[in-house]
C-alpha atoms as a PDB file:
ATOM      1  CA  MET A   1      41.529  -6.944  10.500  1.00  0.00           C
ATOM      2  CA  ALA A   2      37.936  -7.233   9.440  1.00  0.00           C
ATOM      3  CA  SER A   3      35.582  -3.892   9.170  1.00  0.00           C
ATOM      4  CA  LYS A   4      32.199  -4.020  10.585  1.00  0.00           C
ATOM      5  CA  THR A   5      29.509  -2.819   8.062  1.00  0.00           C
ATOM      6  CA  ARG A   6      26.353  -1.652   8.850  1.00  0.00           C
ATOM      7  CA  SER A   7      23.206  -1.640   6.515  1.00  0.00           C
ATOM      8  CA  ILE A   8      21.445   1.797   6.551  1.00  0.00           C
ATOM      9  CA  GLN A   9      17.763   1.403   6.253  1.00  0.00           C
ATOM     10  CA  PRO A  10      16.612   4.536   4.865  1.00  0.00           C
ATOM     11  CA  THR A  11      13.538   5.767   7.461  1.00  0.00           C
ATOM     12  CA  ARG A  12      10.373   5.604   6.076  1.00  0.00           C
ATOM     13  CA  PRO A  13       6.985   6.796   6.795  1.00  0.00           C
ATOM     14  CA  PRO A  14       5.389   4.684   9.665  1.00  0.00           C
ATOM     15  CA  THR A  15       2.143   4.400   7.974  1.00  0.00           C
ATOM     16  CA  LEU A  16       1.285   2.982   4.400  1.00  0.00           C
ATOM     17  CA  VAL A  17      -1.709   3.770   2.812  1.00  0.00           C
ATOM     18  CA  LEU A  18      -2.104   1.059  -0.540  1.00  0.00           C
ATOM     19  CA  GLY A  19      -5.359   1.231  -2.947  1.00  0.00           C
ATOM     20  CA  TRP A  20      -5.378  -0.786  -5.962  1.00  0.00           C
ATOM     21  CA  GLY A  21      -7.778  -1.088  -8.690  1.00  0.00           C
ATOM     22  CA  ASN A  22      -8.228  -0.184 -12.145  1.00  0.00           C
ATOM     23  CA  LEU A  23      -9.303   3.168 -13.449  1.00  0.00           C
ATOM     24  CA  SER A  24     -10.437   2.078 -16.621  1.00  0.00           C
ATOM     25  CA  ARG A  25     -12.833  -0.714 -15.342  1.00  0.00           C
ATOM     26  CA  GLY A  26     -15.668   2.162 -13.291  1.00  0.00           C
ATOM     27  CA  ASP A  27     -16.136   1.133  -9.652  1.00  0.00           C
ATOM     28  CA  ASP A  28     -12.956  -1.242  -9.517  1.00  0.00           C
ATOM     29  CA  ALA A  29     -11.391   2.779  -9.418  1.00  0.00           C
ATOM     30  CA  LEU A  30     -12.440   2.814  -6.164  1.00  0.00           C
ATOM     31  CA  GLY A  31      -8.922   2.253  -3.897  1.00  0.00           C
ATOM     32  CA  PRO A  32      -6.304   4.675  -6.750  1.00  0.00           C
ATOM     33  CA  LEU A  33      -9.319   6.843  -6.250  1.00  0.00           C
ATOM     34  CA  PHE A  34      -9.002   6.810  -2.614  1.00  0.00           C
ATOM     35  CA  VAL A  35      -5.185   6.544  -2.417  1.00  0.00           C
ATOM     36  CA  ALA A  36      -5.373  10.013  -4.505  1.00  0.00           C
ATOM     37  CA  GLY A  37      -8.474  11.724  -2.554  1.00  0.00           C
ATOM     38  CA  LEU A  38      -7.036  11.014   0.765  1.00  0.00           C
ATOM     39  CA  LEU A  39      -3.077  12.655  -0.357  1.00  0.00           C
ATOM     40  CA  ALA A  40      -5.051  15.496  -0.942  1.00  0.00           C
ATOM     41  CA  GLN A  41      -7.054  15.882   1.898  1.00  0.00           C
ATOM     42  CA  LEU A  42      -4.101  14.999   4.612  1.00  0.00           C
ATOM     43  CA  PRO A  43      -2.871  17.729   6.384  1.00  0.00           C
ATOM     44  CA  ALA A  44       0.861  19.118   5.797  1.00  0.00           C
ATOM     45  CA  HIS A  45       2.066  18.426   9.163  1.00  0.00           C
ATOM     46  CA  LEU A  46       1.408  15.104   8.457  1.00  0.00           C
ATOM     47  CA  ARG A  47       2.943  14.193   4.789  1.00  0.00           C
ATOM     48  CA  ASP A  48       6.143  12.873   6.299  1.00  0.00           C
ATOM     49  CA  GLN A  49       4.293  10.230   8.604  1.00  0.00           C
ATOM     50  CA  VAL A  50       2.183   8.193   5.918  1.00  0.00           C
ATOM     51  CA  GLU A  51       3.057   6.877   2.309  1.00  0.00           C
ATOM     52  CA  PHE A  52       0.766   6.348  -0.889  1.00  0.00           C
ATOM     53  CA  LEU A  53       1.327   3.816  -2.961  1.00  0.00           C
ATOM     54  CA  GLU A  54      -1.431   2.514  -5.793  1.00  0.00           C
ATOM     55  CA  ASP A  55      -1.715  -0.365  -8.555  1.00  0.00           C
ATOM     56  CA  TYR A  56      -3.423  -2.004 -10.718  1.00  0.00           C
ATOM     57  CA  GLN A  57      -3.757  -5.442  -8.073  1.00  0.00           C
ATOM     58  CA  LEU A  58      -2.334  -6.065  -4.828  1.00  0.00           C
ATOM     59  CA  GLN A  59       1.185  -8.492  -6.103  1.00  0.00           C
ATOM     60  CA  VAL A  60       3.927 -10.684  -4.200  1.00  0.00           C
ATOM     61  CA  GLU A  61       6.239  -7.379  -4.508  1.00  0.00           C
ATOM     62  CA  HIS A  62       4.158  -5.220  -2.582  1.00  0.00           C
ATOM     63  CA  ALA A  63       5.675  -7.041   0.696  1.00  0.00           C
ATOM     64  CA  LEU A  64       8.600  -4.903   0.732  1.00  0.00           C
ATOM     65  CA  ASP A  65       6.457  -2.040   0.904  1.00  0.00           C
ATOM     66  CA  LEU A  66       5.287  -3.250   4.533  1.00  0.00           C
ATOM     67  CA  VAL A  67       9.172  -3.602   5.735  1.00  0.00           C
ATOM     68  CA  GLY A  68       9.864  -0.896   8.577  1.00  0.00           C
ATOM     69  CA  ARG A  69       5.995   0.108   9.114  1.00  0.00           C
ATOM     70  CA  GLN A  70       3.967   0.517  12.190  1.00  0.00           C
ATOM     71  CA  ARG A  71       0.766  -0.070   9.962  1.00  0.00           C
ATOM     72  CA  VAL A  72      -1.132  -0.387   6.752  1.00  0.00           C
ATOM     73  CA  LEU A  73      -4.120   0.566   5.174  1.00  0.00           C
ATOM     74  CA  LEU A  74      -5.120  -1.630   1.917  1.00  0.00           C
ATOM     75  CA  VAL A  75      -7.655  -0.420  -0.255  1.00  0.00           C
ATOM     76  CA  ASP A  76      -9.976  -2.148  -2.894  1.00  0.00           C
ATOM     77  CA  ALA A  77     -13.222  -1.880  -4.198  1.00  0.00           C
ATOM     78  CA  SER A  78     -15.552  -4.348  -3.597  1.00  0.00           C
ATOM     79  CA  LEU A  79     -18.944  -6.012  -5.090  1.00  0.00           C
ATOM     80  CA  ASN A  80     -19.934  -7.906  -1.660  1.00  0.00           C
ATOM     81  CA  CYS A  81     -18.844  -5.726   1.388  1.00  0.00           C
ATOM     82  CA  ALA A  82     -22.023  -3.761   2.322  1.00  0.00           C
ATOM     83  CA  ALA A  83     -22.622  -0.018   2.301  1.00  0.00           C
ATOM     84  CA  PRO A  84     -20.519   2.180   1.662  1.00  0.00           C
ATOM     85  CA  PHE A  85     -17.382   0.205   3.169  1.00  0.00           C
ATOM     86  CA  VAL A  86     -16.185  -2.447   5.337  1.00  0.00           C
ATOM     87  CA  GLU A  87     -13.336  -2.042   7.255  1.00  0.00           C
ATOM     88  CA  ARG A  88     -11.788  -5.159   8.682  1.00  0.00           C
ATOM     89  CA  ARG A  89      -7.768  -6.404  10.896  1.00  0.00           C
ATOM     90  CA  VAL A  90      -6.290  -8.578   8.223  1.00  0.00           C
ATOM     91  CA  GLN A  91      -4.276 -11.265   9.483  1.00  0.00           C
ATOM     92  CA  ALA A  92      -1.630 -13.214   7.752  1.00  0.00           C
ATOM     93  CA  ARG A  93      -2.888 -16.201   6.552  1.00  0.00           C
ATOM     94  CA  ARG A  94      -1.306 -18.749   2.920  1.00  0.00           C
ATOM     95  CA  ASP A  95      -4.834 -18.781   0.921  1.00  0.00           C
ATOM     96  CA  THR A  96      -5.843 -20.429  -2.663  1.00  0.00           C
ATOM     97  CA  SER A  97      -4.511 -17.115  -4.178  1.00  0.00           C
ATOM     98  CA  TYR A  98      -0.841 -17.067  -2.718  1.00  0.00           C
ATOM     99  CA  THR A  99      -0.219 -17.926  -6.450  1.00  0.00           C
ATOM    100  CA  SER A 100      -2.782 -16.860  -8.513  1.00  0.00           C
ATOM    101  CA  HIS A 101      -2.885 -13.688 -10.759  1.00  0.00           C
ATOM    102  CA  ALA A 102      -5.386 -12.043  -7.426  1.00  0.00           C
ATOM    103  CA  LEU A 103      -3.651 -11.659  -4.165  1.00  0.00           C
ATOM    104  CA  SER A 104      -5.895 -11.701  -1.077  1.00  0.00           C
ATOM    105  CA  ALA A 105      -4.684  -8.706   1.859  1.00  0.00           C
ATOM    106  CA  GLU A 106      -4.188 -11.950   4.092  1.00  0.00           C
ATOM    107  CA  ALA A 107      -1.915 -13.724   1.482  1.00  0.00           C
ATOM    108  CA  LEU A 108      -0.098 -10.648   1.144  1.00  0.00           C
ATOM    109  CA  LEU A 109       0.674 -10.333   4.948  1.00  0.00           C
ATOM    110  CA  GLN A 110       2.057 -14.401   4.689  1.00  0.00           C
ATOM    111  CA  VAL A 111       4.132 -13.373   2.159  1.00  0.00           C
ATOM    112  CA  PHE A 112       6.060 -10.337   3.996  1.00  0.00           C
ATOM    113  CA  GLU A 113       5.783 -13.084   7.510  1.00  0.00           C
ATOM    114  CA  ASP A 114       7.875 -15.646   4.891  1.00  0.00           C
ATOM    115  CA  MET A 115       9.747 -13.492   3.729  1.00  0.00           C
ATOM    116  CA  VAL A 116      11.015 -10.918   6.460  1.00  0.00           C
ATOM    117  CA  GLY A 117      10.781 -13.570   9.566  1.00  0.00           C
ATOM    118  CA  THR A 118       8.418 -11.343  11.788  1.00  0.00           C
ATOM    119  CA  PRO A 119       4.792 -10.731  12.074  1.00  0.00           C
ATOM    120  CA  PRO A 120       3.559  -8.386   9.454  1.00  0.00           C
ATOM    121  CA  PRO A 121       2.930  -4.764  10.876  1.00  0.00           C
ATOM    122  CA  PRO A 122      -1.117  -4.344  11.796  1.00  0.00           C
ATOM    123  CA  ALA A 123      -2.799  -4.048   8.768  1.00  0.00           C
ATOM    124  CA  THR A 124      -6.067  -2.969   8.162  1.00  0.00           C
ATOM    125  CA  LEU A 125      -8.214  -3.546   4.814  1.00  0.00           C
ATOM    126  CA  LEU A 126     -10.794  -1.128   3.552  1.00  0.00           C
ATOM    127  CA  ALA A 127     -13.303  -2.599   1.347  1.00  0.00           C
ATOM    128  CA  ILE A 128     -15.004  -0.209  -0.305  1.00  0.00           C
ATOM    129  CA  ARG A 129     -18.721  -1.023  -1.916  1.00  0.00           C
ATOM    130  CA  GLY A 130     -18.996  -0.544  -6.228  1.00  0.00           C
ATOM    131  CA  GLU A 131     -21.492  -1.103  -8.299  1.00  0.00           C
ATOM    132  CA  ALA A 132     -20.239  -1.628 -11.736  1.00  0.00           C
ATOM    133  CA  PHE A 133     -16.805  -2.721 -13.139  1.00  0.00           C
ATOM    134  CA  GLY A 134     -17.556  -2.948 -17.319  1.00  0.00           C
ATOM    135  CA  LEU A 135     -14.203  -1.709 -19.121  1.00  0.00           C
ATOM    136  CA  GLY A 136     -15.187   1.801 -19.791  1.00  0.00           C
ATOM    137  CA  GLU A 137     -17.933   2.407 -17.484  1.00  0.00           C
ATOM    138  CA  PRO A 138     -17.738   5.322 -15.506  1.00  0.00           C
ATOM    139  CA  MET A 139     -17.992   4.950 -11.704  1.00  0.00           C
ATOM    140  CA  SER A 140     -21.536   4.995 -10.473  1.00  0.00           C
ATOM    141  CA  ALA A 141     -23.283   7.592  -8.432  1.00  0.00           C
ATOM    142  CA  PRO A 142     -23.389   4.815  -5.190  1.00  0.00           C
ATOM    143  CA  ALA A 143     -19.629   4.207  -5.576  1.00  0.00           C
ATOM    144  CA  GLN A 144     -19.160   7.642  -5.546  1.00  0.00           C
ATOM    145  CA  ARG A 145     -20.903   8.342  -2.309  1.00  0.00           C
ATOM    146  CA  HIS A 146     -19.002   5.037  -1.072  1.00  0.00           C
ATOM    147  CA  LEU A 147     -15.917   6.896  -1.911  1.00  0.00           C
ATOM    148  CA  VAL A 148     -16.859  10.441  -0.181  1.00  0.00           C
ATOM    149  CA  ALA A 149     -17.588   8.267   3.015  1.00  0.00           C
ATOM    150  CA  ALA A 150     -14.387   6.103   3.041  1.00  0.00           C
ATOM    151  CA  LEU A 151     -12.490   9.203   2.971  1.00  0.00           C
ATOM    152  CA  ALA A 152     -14.008  10.610   5.944  1.00  0.00           C
ATOM    153  CA  TRP A 153     -13.088   7.036   7.872  1.00  0.00           C
ATOM    154  CA  GLY A 154      -9.849   7.070   6.147  1.00  0.00           C
ATOM    155  CA  LEU A 155      -9.110  10.692   7.248  1.00  0.00           C
ATOM    156  CA  ASP A 156      -9.694   9.935  10.647  1.00  0.00           C
ATOM    157  CA  TRP A 157      -8.134   7.085  10.586  1.00  0.00           C
ATOM    158  CA  VAL A 158      -4.334   8.932   9.428  1.00  0.00           C
ATOM    159  CA  THR A 159      -4.797  12.044  11.662  1.00  0.00           C
ATOM    160  CA  LEU A 160      -6.398  10.328  14.683  1.00  0.00           C
ATOM    161  CA  TRP A 161      -3.137   7.714  15.048  1.00  0.00           C
ATOM    162  CA  ARG A 162       0.072   8.575  17.108  1.00  0.00           C
ATOM    163  CA  PRO A 163       3.383   6.443  15.624  1.00  0.00           C
ATOM    164  CA  ARG A 164       5.067   4.450  18.377  1.00  0.00           C
ATOM    165  CA  LEU A 165       8.676   6.801  19.250  1.00  0.00           C
ATOM    166  CA  SER A 166      12.035   4.533  18.995  1.00  0.00           C
ATOM    167  CA  VAL A 167      13.388   4.625  21.976  1.00  0.00           C
ATOM    168  CA  LEU A 168      16.859   6.175  22.154  1.00  0.00           C
ATOM    169  CA  SER A 169      19.307   5.179  24.426  1.00  0.00           C
ATOM    170  CA  PRO A 170      21.802   8.274  25.562  1.00  0.00           C
ATOM    171  CA  THR A 171      25.428   8.175  24.088  1.00  0.00           C
ATOM    172  CA  LYS A 172      27.872   7.483  26.539  1.00  0.00           C
ATOM    173  CA  LYS A 173      31.119   9.584  25.974  1.00  0.00           C
END
């Protein structure tokens, strides 16, 4: 007799905040500092609704972190965006970063889609304006102000959203 097995997936928080950057490279630290700052400001009643991750760079392995999410906030420093920050929705797209050292947010979503076979969760990219990225440099004063503004936006992004509730069918007796 064949037994029926069921894979049990641990419940994950519906929201993921993933920031990346290098704390030793001045304003490149904006992503990880955003993650730490938002976690510190998160109201206690939302702690089980949000998972926070940080890394030096976005990698294909992060596609696994998107599984089971209802939405994702991806946070990085940018030399090219308008100050203090720019937020935009990102879509899965294969690009030249797909196999390079620096993976784009779009390519990460494409990896998820290729791996899982479903569209990725809705994702927002938050690019925080940085000025100085030299090794061993402190964070610049403009970047510090941009981080404060981004954190205020991020706190609203997290607290004003309501997760989708799972609809459970009543059990038959």
